[in-house]
Each structure stands twice: as C-alpha cells, then as structure tokens.
Amino acid sequence: MGLDTRDLFDTGTAFSPPTRGRVVSRPEPPTRRPIAEFRLTRPVACQWLATAVVAFFAFAYAFGHVLAIARGRTLEPIVVDPAPPFVRWSLVLSLGLVALTVVLHELLHGVFITRYSDRKTGGPTYGIGISYFVLPYAYAETEGTAFTRREMLVVLLAPFVGITALGLVTIAVYPSPALLVPLAANAAGSVGDLWMAATLLRYPSSVRVTELGRVRGAASDEGDDESGEREADESDDRTKGNRPPQGFAIYGPSADHVAEPDSRVVVVLCSSIAVGAVGTLAVLLGATIASVLVSLAVGSGSVVIGDPNGWLLFRHELRSDGGAVIEVGASLVVAVSALGGVCWTGVSAVRGSLDLG
C-alpha cells in the first residue's frame, strides 16, 4: 500500500490498482474460492508508473495554488529564476521530507492494519521493492486474515487523507515551497490506494479481501489479460511452483458478484472516465514537455500553445537571464482531459470492453 506502488494492480480497465494488506478479525475458510482476483502484471506496472508521474505534476500544481493562496498571491504566471544556492538546499530539504513522508505513509497503513487485524497474526511487516524492474514501492502488510470492505477502505485511504490534511494545515501555518514536493509525492504514491478503493466499491459491502495466493497458490503473468483482472473459476489452479503472485482476491457469496448493479455501473463508468482523463492528461503533459525540450535545443526556448489572450493551454518563455516564465491554462487542461475521458468511455462502450456487470 502506500507510497506504495505495489498497490497498483488491475481493475479491468486499461489502468489498475489495489493493495496487499490483508486482514480481518474473521479468518476465511481455506477452501472457499474467490469471486474475483487482481494481480500486478508487467503492463500494469508500466501503466501505473506513468500514471504516478502525471499525478505528481497535477498534484504539485494543485498544492501550488493552495500555497499561493496562503501567501496572498496568485500562482501564475510562474517565474522560475536561475537557481541560487538556497534553491539547492530547498531541494535537499524536500527530498528529505519525501523520505519521511514515505515512512509516515506506511506507518499509517500499519496502524489501521493492526487496528483491524486478528491479533494472532501479529503486527504488520514493512519493506521496499521494485516490481518487474520498473515499479518501485514501499509496503506495509500482514498475513493470514482478510479485510472487510469497510476496513480495507479505511486502510487504503488513511495515508492520503491524513497526510494531505496535515500538509494543508502546515501550509496554512508555515507556507513553504519545500512542502510541495513531499505532498505531491504522497498524493501520487496514493494513486494505487485511491484506485483500489474505487475497485472495492464495485463489490457489495459484505465481501472480504485477502492476499492472492494463500488459497489459490502461485501464479505467473501468463494467461492474464493486460488489466490484471480475471474471474475466479474452479478449473483455474495455478499451483505449479511459480513465484506467489502480487495481488489480492475478493471473496463473497456468488450472488454478491451481481449485487448492487446500479452502484457498480456508476463506479465502472466513473473509473473509465477517470482512466481516459488521466491518459489524455498524460498525452498533453508528454507533448508539452517534448515541445519545450525541442525548443530549448533548437529554438528560442519559448513555447505557446493556444491563445495567451483567450484559450491558453500552456506558455513557456525563456528570459534573457536564464530564468523562465510558465503559465498553464488549467481550466482548458481540465476540460480537454474530461472530454478525453468521456470519449474513452464511449469508445470502450462501443467496443464492449466496459464490465458493467
């Protein structure tokens, strides 16, 4: 979980999330089979790495607006001065705060894992790793029991809500730019947690969530679709000695799988729109960065996308002293991203790839 990119398993859309914390005060029967499984695959790891990068810039911009309000200023245009020595120290401070934020993030996961776990299983364990050599993560986990849906939602959302709230209060008291990087890093690292929460809302409140592989055995990526999600069935036993999969399983009576169809449809549609919007934002961000780099390499270093006096998408102007002026048309960016999300959902519906249950 946490600044925890191992939370990034698939949900049946082009992007995906989840978590590995598993606990409950009510152990599951060892012979029950899950109604759905979610696993981390290589395509999902790459997709979530890209999503986290986009989320970092988006959250940094949003927290920048909050910081500007706390200082009684406007954020834009953003003036980037040539780096004086104190900027380097500020960067070092920000990186140190990021490390502390990662620790706090996982500790908050651990606090609520302990709160909801069966005491016989012991406390959570912590660690770091990298999935498929592309997706770094820190984690807090426990074994042997299963979360209820409500418990899992609390475990997943606690670090994002708690650290964001603490950061906003700190900005109000001491509005320092050094807070932007750790807050944005925490929010970006919570993408998997947030998506997992949305995934769980597709299932009734009576389901249980547990570690993948405890009941089913080990698995490989072979045979999974790119989303990392697949339905559980009696004929699918992957127990041939491969490494245990990273993922989670959802348990419940078979009727639960089709229960609450209205809320499931809403969650699936909102998730699909969010996926399309994030993908559109990623394209905009990548194209903008590429255009600035090309302009710096072979041109004046100035890039204007849109009309500065009207529908402005982005502006970057290089100053004579080596600094730069940056302006983002946030309203237009949000509108274009939302339109991309709606179009993505429409195309998915036409292709029949939306799992509306």
Protein backbone atom coordinates (compact mmCIF):
# COMPACT_ATOMS: atom_id res chain seq x y z
CA MET A 1 0.00 0.00 0.00
CA GLY A 2 1.13 3.41 0.45
CA LEU A 3 3.70 5.41 -1.36
CA ASP A 4 3.13 2.09 -2.29
CA THR A 5 3.15 1.31 -5.83
CA ARG A 6 2.69 -2.33 -5.20
CA ASP A 7 -0.91 -1.27 -4.69
CA LEU A 8 -1.11 -0.91 -8.40
CA PHE A 9 -2.97 -3.94 -9.64
CA ASP A 10 -5.60 -4.01 -12.28
CA THR A 11 -9.30 -3.43 -12.09
CA GLY A 12 -10.44 -4.39 -15.52
CA THR A 13 -9.71 -1.06 -17.15
CA ALA A 14 -6.64 -0.02 -19.07
CA PHE A 15 -5.16 1.15 -15.80
CA SER A 16 -5.48 -0.52 -12.43
CA PRO A 17 -4.75 -0.57 -8.71
CA PRO A 18 -5.02 -2.46 -5.39
CA THR A 19 -3.15 -3.36 -2.28
CA ARG A 20 -1.58 -6.12 -0.49
CA GLY A 21 -2.62 -5.51 3.06
CA ARG A 22 -4.89 -8.33 4.06
CA VAL A 23 -6.51 -8.75 7.41
CA VAL A 24 -9.65 -9.39 9.30
CA SER A 25 -10.82 -10.43 12.59
CA ARG A 26 -12.69 -13.21 10.80
CA PRO A 27 -10.48 -15.82 9.05
CA GLU A 28 -11.82 -17.09 5.71
CA PRO A 29 -12.48 -20.79 5.12
CA PRO A 30 -9.37 -22.11 3.32
CA THR A 31 -11.43 -23.95 0.68
CA ARG A 32 -13.55 -21.01 -0.47
CA ARG A 33 -12.80 -19.74 -3.93
CA PRO A 34 -12.65 -16.01 -4.72
CA ILE A 35 -15.25 -14.36 -6.93
CA ALA A 36 -12.53 -12.15 -8.46
CA GLU A 37 -8.76 -11.76 -8.41
CA PHE A 38 -6.49 -8.82 -9.15
CA ARG A 39 -2.79 -9.20 -9.88
CA LEU A 40 0.13 -6.97 -10.75
CA THR A 41 1.34 -7.65 -14.28
CA ARG A 42 4.17 -6.04 -16.21
CA PRO A 43 1.87 -3.90 -18.43
CA VAL A 44 0.02 -2.71 -15.34
CA ALA A 45 3.30 -1.83 -13.62
CA CYS A 46 4.35 0.31 -16.59
CA GLN A 47 0.94 1.96 -16.84
CA TRP A 48 0.87 2.85 -13.17
CA LEU A 49 4.39 4.23 -13.22
CA ALA A 50 3.31 6.61 -16.00
CA THR A 51 0.12 7.48 -14.12
CA ALA A 52 2.04 8.26 -10.93
CA VAL A 53 4.34 10.64 -12.84
CA VAL A 54 1.36 12.51 -14.30
CA ALA A 55 -0.32 12.58 -10.89
CA PHE A 56 2.80 14.07 -9.30
CA PHE A 57 2.77 17.09 -11.63
CA ALA A 58 -1.00 17.52 -11.30
CA PHE A 59 -0.94 17.42 -7.50
CA ALA A 60 2.12 19.68 -7.35
CA TYR A 61 0.25 22.25 -9.42
CA ALA A 62 -2.85 21.95 -7.22
CA PHE A 63 -0.88 22.29 -3.98
CA GLY A 64 0.98 25.20 -5.57
CA HIS A 65 -2.32 27.04 -5.87
CA VAL A 66 -3.01 26.36 -2.18
CA LEU A 67 0.45 27.67 -1.26
CA ALA A 68 -0.11 30.81 -3.34
CA ILE A 69 -3.43 31.47 -1.60
CA ALA A 70 -1.77 31.01 1.80
CA ARG A 71 0.82 33.61 0.79
CA GLY A 72 -1.82 36.01 -0.51
CA ARG A 73 -0.56 35.78 -4.09
CA THR A 74 -1.58 34.32 -7.44
CA LEU A 75 0.27 31.27 -8.69
CA GLU A 76 0.54 32.28 -12.32
CA PRO A 77 2.48 33.27 -14.21
CA ILE A 78 5.10 31.08 -12.52
CA VAL A 79 8.51 32.77 -12.59
CA VAL A 80 11.46 30.38 -12.43
CA ASP A 81 14.65 32.23 -11.51
CA PRO A 82 18.16 30.93 -12.24
CA ALA A 83 18.92 28.55 -9.37
CA PRO A 84 20.61 30.36 -6.46
CA PRO A 85 22.34 28.27 -3.73
CA PHE A 86 19.34 28.29 -1.38
CA VAL A 87 17.22 26.56 -4.04
CA ARG A 88 19.56 23.56 -3.91
CA TRP A 89 19.23 23.37 -0.14
CA SER A 90 15.45 23.64 -0.52
CA LEU A 91 15.55 20.69 -2.91
CA VAL A 92 17.60 18.66 -0.43
CA LEU A 93 15.08 19.52 2.29
CA SER A 94 12.20 18.49 0.04
CA LEU A 95 13.80 15.13 -0.73
CA GLY A 96 14.36 14.55 2.98
CA LEU A 97 10.70 15.33 3.63
CA VAL A 98 9.73 12.89 0.87
CA ALA A 99 11.61 10.10 2.66
CA LEU A 100 9.87 10.96 5.93
CA THR A 101 6.53 11.06 4.12
CA VAL A 102 7.07 7.55 2.74
CA VAL A 103 7.73 6.28 6.26
CA LEU A 104 4.68 8.09 7.67
CA HIS A 105 2.54 6.83 4.80
CA GLU A 106 3.36 3.20 5.51
CA LEU A 107 3.08 3.66 9.27
CA LEU A 108 -0.47 4.94 8.81
CA HIS A 109 -1.29 1.86 6.74
CA GLY A 110 0.26 -0.24 9.50
CA VAL A 111 -1.70 1.47 12.28
CA PHE A 112 -5.02 0.58 10.69
CA ILE A 113 -3.87 -2.87 9.62
CA THR A 114 -3.08 -3.51 13.29
CA ARG A 115 -6.41 -1.99 14.31
CA TYR A 116 -8.40 -4.40 12.15
CA SER A 117 -6.21 -7.50 12.21
CA ASP A 118 -6.54 -10.73 14.09
CA ARG A 119 -4.06 -10.35 16.96
CA LYS A 120 -2.86 -13.93 16.43
CA THR A 121 -1.35 -12.95 13.08
CA GLY A 122 1.00 -10.43 14.68
CA GLY A 123 1.71 -6.89 13.55
CA PRO A 124 2.32 -5.69 10.00
CA THR A 125 5.66 -6.06 8.26
CA TYR A 126 7.26 -3.27 6.21
CA GLY A 127 9.60 -3.25 3.26
CA ILE A 128 10.55 -1.84 -0.12
CA GLY A 129 10.97 -3.38 -3.54
CA ILE A 130 10.60 -2.92 -7.28
CA SER A 131 8.15 -4.81 -9.47
CA TYR A 132 9.37 -6.02 -12.86
CA PHE A 133 12.34 -3.65 -12.51
CA VAL A 134 10.09 -0.67 -13.38
CA LEU A 135 7.76 -0.01 -10.45
CA PRO A 136 9.33 0.95 -7.08
CA TYR A 137 7.22 0.56 -3.96
CA ALA A 138 7.20 0.63 -0.19
CA TYR A 139 4.68 -1.52 1.63
CA ALA A 140 3.01 -2.48 4.88
CA GLU A 141 1.37 -5.90 5.01
CA THR A 142 0.14 -8.71 7.19
CA GLU A 143 -0.87 -12.30 6.53
CA GLY A 144 -3.46 -14.87 7.41
CA THR A 145 -6.73 -12.96 7.61
CA ALA A 146 -8.95 -10.78 5.42
CA PHE A 147 -10.29 -7.25 5.43
CA THR A 148 -13.94 -6.41 5.21
CA ARG A 149 -14.61 -3.86 2.51
CA ARG A 150 -15.04 -1.03 5.03
CA GLU A 151 -11.83 -1.94 6.84
CA MET A 152 -9.88 -2.08 3.60
CA LEU A 153 -11.22 1.32 2.55
CA VAL A 154 -10.02 2.83 5.83
CA VAL A 155 -6.58 1.21 5.50
CA LEU A 156 -6.24 2.41 1.91
CA LEU A 157 -7.41 5.99 2.36
CA ALA A 158 -5.85 6.84 5.74
CA PRO A 159 -2.39 7.93 4.42
CA PHE A 160 -3.77 10.05 1.57
CA VAL A 161 -6.38 11.78 3.72
CA GLY A 162 -4.22 12.09 6.84
CA ILE A 163 -1.00 13.36 5.23
CA THR A 164 -2.84 15.68 2.85
CA ALA A 165 -4.81 17.20 5.73
CA LEU A 166 -1.64 17.59 7.82
CA GLY A 167 0.14 19.18 4.86
CA LEU A 168 -2.64 21.68 4.19
CA VAL A 169 -2.68 22.73 7.85
CA THR A 170 1.11 23.11 7.78
CA ILE A 171 0.91 25.25 4.62
CA ALA A 172 -1.65 27.49 6.32
CA VAL A 173 0.68 27.97 9.30
CA TYR A 174 4.04 27.94 7.50
CA PRO A 175 3.61 28.37 3.72
CA SER A 176 6.93 26.98 2.49
CA PRO A 177 7.55 25.78 -1.11
CA ALA A 178 9.55 22.89 0.39
CA LEU A 179 6.22 21.25 1.30
CA LEU A 180 5.05 20.95 -2.31
CA VAL A 181 7.28 18.05 -3.35
CA PRO A 182 6.52 15.71 -0.39
CA LEU A 183 2.79 16.44 -0.56
CA ALA A 184 2.70 15.82 -4.31
CA ALA A 185 4.80 12.66 -3.90
CA ASN A 186 2.45 11.31 -1.24
CA ALA A 187 -0.61 12.03 -3.35
CA ALA A 188 0.96 10.49 -6.46
CA GLY A 189 2.04 7.46 -4.44
CA SER A 190 -1.55 7.11 -3.24
CA VAL A 191 -2.91 6.63 -6.75
CA GLY A 192 -2.99 2.87 -6.25
CA ASP A 193 -4.72 3.22 -2.90
CA LEU A 194 -7.37 5.52 -4.37
CA TRP A 195 -7.96 3.28 -7.35
CA MET A 196 -8.19 0.23 -5.14
CA ALA A 197 -10.87 1.99 -3.11
CA ALA A 198 -12.81 2.64 -6.31
CA THR A 199 -12.35 -1.01 -7.28
CA LEU A 200 -13.78 -2.25 -3.98
CA LEU A 201 -16.83 -0.04 -4.39
CA ARG A 202 -17.74 -2.18 -7.40
CA TYR A 203 -18.46 -5.01 -4.95
CA PRO A 204 -21.01 -5.26 -2.11
CA SER A 205 -20.06 -4.33 1.44
CA SER A 206 -20.27 -8.00 2.50
CA VAL A 207 -17.19 -9.11 0.54
CA ARG A 208 -13.82 -9.92 2.08
CA VAL A 209 -10.40 -9.09 0.63
CA THR A 210 -7.34 -11.25 1.22
CA GLU A 211 -3.86 -11.88 -0.15
CA LEU A 212 -3.70 -13.54 -3.54
CA GLY A 213 -2.05 -16.94 -3.49
CA ARG A 214 -2.90 -18.01 0.06
CA VAL A 215 -5.83 -20.02 -1.20
CA ARG A 216 -5.07 -20.27 -4.88
CA GLY A 217 -1.35 -20.95 -4.92
CA ALA A 218 1.28 -19.31 -7.07
CA ALA A 219 0.78 -17.80 -10.49
CA SER A 220 2.61 -16.20 -13.33
CA ASP A 221 1.62 -13.45 -15.72
CA GLU A 222 0.90 -15.95 -18.47
CA GLY A 223 -2.80 -16.19 -19.19
CA ASP A 224 -3.81 -12.90 -17.59
CA ASP A 225 -5.08 -10.04 -19.70
CA GLU A 226 -3.25 -6.74 -19.61
CA SER A 227 -5.61 -5.36 -17.00
CA GLY A 228 -4.50 -7.91 -14.42
CA GLU A 229 -8.09 -8.78 -13.51
CA ARG A 230 -9.72 -12.11 -14.03
CA GLU A 231 -12.69 -14.03 -12.72
CA ALA A 232 -12.04 -17.00 -10.46
CA ASP A 233 -13.30 -20.39 -11.59
CA GLU A 234 -12.96 -23.98 -10.48
CA SER A 235 -10.72 -25.01 -13.37
CA ASP A 236 -8.09 -22.33 -12.83
CA ASP A 237 -5.49 -23.71 -10.43
CA ARG A 238 -2.02 -22.27 -10.91
CA THR A 239 -0.03 -24.23 -8.40
CA LYS A 240 2.93 -25.44 -10.43
CA GLY A 241 5.70 -23.93 -8.39
CA ASN A 242 5.86 -20.42 -9.80
CA ARG A 243 6.50 -17.48 -7.50
CA PRO A 244 3.48 -16.25 -5.50
CA PRO A 245 1.66 -13.52 -7.43
CA GLN A 246 1.40 -9.95 -6.18
CA GLY A 247 -2.29 -9.20 -5.86
CA PHE A 248 -5.45 -9.78 -3.90
CA ALA A 249 -8.60 -11.86 -4.01
CA ILE A 250 -12.19 -10.87 -3.27
CA TYR A 251 -14.39 -13.41 -1.51
CA GLY A 252 -18.15 -13.49 -1.06
CA PRO A 253 -21.29 -15.48 -1.88
CA SER A 254 -21.71 -15.92 -5.61
CA ALA A 255 -24.79 -13.67 -5.54
CA ASP A 256 -22.57 -10.83 -4.36
CA HIS A 257 -20.89 -10.68 -7.75
CA VAL A 258 -24.02 -9.29 -9.38
CA ALA A 259 -25.42 -7.44 -6.38
CA GLU A 260 -25.98 -3.70 -6.31
CA PRO A 261 -25.84 -3.31 -10.12
CA ASP A 262 -26.72 0.38 -10.14
CA SER A 263 -23.84 1.41 -7.90
CA ARG A 264 -21.49 -0.90 -9.80
CA VAL A 265 -22.39 0.73 -13.12
CA VAL A 266 -21.77 4.19 -11.67
CA VAL A 267 -18.37 3.18 -10.29
CA VAL A 268 -17.32 1.47 -13.54
CA LEU A 269 -18.35 4.47 -15.66
CA CYS A 270 -16.61 6.94 -13.33
CA SER A 271 -13.49 4.75 -13.30
CA SER A 272 -13.45 4.57 -17.09
CA ILE A 273 -13.85 8.34 -17.42
CA ALA A 274 -11.03 8.85 -14.91
CA VAL A 275 -8.79 6.46 -16.85
CA GLY A 276 -9.45 8.30 -20.10
CA ALA A 277 -8.92 11.68 -18.46
CA VAL A 278 -5.59 10.60 -16.94
CA GLY A 279 -4.49 9.17 -20.27
CA THR A 280 -5.40 12.41 -22.04
CA LEU A 281 -3.56 14.42 -19.40
CA ALA A 282 -0.51 12.18 -19.84
CA VAL A 283 -0.51 12.84 -23.59
CA LEU A 284 -0.83 16.60 -23.01
CA LEU A 285 1.97 16.57 -20.44
CA GLY A 286 4.28 14.48 -22.60
CA ALA A 287 3.67 16.61 -25.69
CA THR A 288 4.20 19.83 -23.74
CA ILE A 289 7.48 18.69 -22.16
CA ALA A 290 8.72 17.42 -25.53
CA SER A 291 7.90 20.71 -27.26
CA VAL A 292 9.73 22.71 -24.57
CA LEU A 293 12.82 20.49 -24.77
CA VAL A 294 12.90 20.70 -28.57
CA SER A 295 12.50 24.48 -28.43
CA LEU A 296 15.32 24.78 -25.89
CA ALA A 297 17.56 22.59 -28.05
CA VAL A 298 16.98 24.13 -31.48
CA GLY A 299 14.93 27.28 -30.96
CA SER A 300 14.28 30.23 -28.69
CA GLY A 301 13.06 28.18 -25.74
CA SER A 302 9.64 29.81 -25.96
CA VAL A 303 6.53 27.67 -26.49
CA VAL A 304 2.96 28.96 -26.59
CA ILE A 305 0.08 26.51 -27.09
CA GLY A 306 -3.21 28.31 -27.55
CA ASP A 307 -4.08 32.00 -27.38
CA PRO A 308 -2.45 33.92 -24.48
CA ASN A 309 -5.41 36.31 -24.54
CA GLY A 310 -8.03 33.58 -24.74
CA TRP A 311 -7.95 29.80 -24.70
CA LEU A 312 -4.41 29.25 -23.43
CA LEU A 313 -3.23 25.70 -22.85
CA PHE A 314 0.43 26.33 -21.99
CA ARG A 315 3.07 29.04 -22.22
CA HIS A 316 6.82 28.80 -21.60
CA GLU A 317 9.08 31.78 -22.28
CA LEU A 318 12.82 31.81 -21.70
CA ARG A 319 14.13 35.04 -20.14
CA SER A 320 17.43 36.70 -21.00
CA ASP A 321 18.83 36.00 -17.51
CA GLY A 322 18.34 32.24 -17.93
CA GLY A 323 15.10 32.10 -15.97
CA ALA A 324 11.70 31.21 -17.40
CA VAL A 325 8.06 32.21 -17.20
CA ILE A 326 5.48 29.40 -17.18
CA GLU A 327 1.71 29.65 -17.43
CA VAL A 328 -0.82 26.82 -17.56
CA GLY A 329 -4.40 27.19 -18.75
CA ALA A 330 -5.75 24.94 -16.01
CA SER A 331 -9.41 25.32 -16.98
CA LEU A 332 -8.74 24.30 -20.58
CA VAL A 333 -6.49 21.42 -19.49
CA VAL A 334 -9.23 20.08 -17.21
CA ALA A 335 -11.85 20.47 -19.94
CA VAL A 336 -9.74 18.69 -22.57
CA SER A 337 -8.86 15.89 -20.12
CA ALA A 338 -12.51 15.43 -19.15
CA LEU A 339 -13.50 15.31 -22.82
CA GLY A 340 -10.82 12.69 -23.39
CA GLY A 341 -12.25 10.66 -20.51
CA VAL A 342 -15.76 10.79 -21.93
CA CYS A 343 -14.53 9.83 -25.41
CA TRP A 344 -12.51 6.94 -23.97
CA THR A 345 -15.59 5.66 -22.14
CA GLY A 346 -17.71 5.98 -25.28
CA VAL A 347 -15.21 4.04 -27.37
CA SER A 348 -14.91 1.38 -24.64
CA ALA A 349 -18.70 1.02 -24.53
CA VAL A 350 -18.91 0.63 -28.31
CA ARG A 351 -16.14 -1.98 -28.26
CA GLY A 352 -17.91 -3.82 -25.44
CA SER A 353 -14.89 -3.64 -23.12
CA LEU A 354 -16.73 -2.00 -20.21
CA ASP A 355 -17.55 -4.52 -17.48
CA LEU A 356 -20.91 -3.17 -16.33
CA GLY A 357 -21.84 -6.42 -14.63
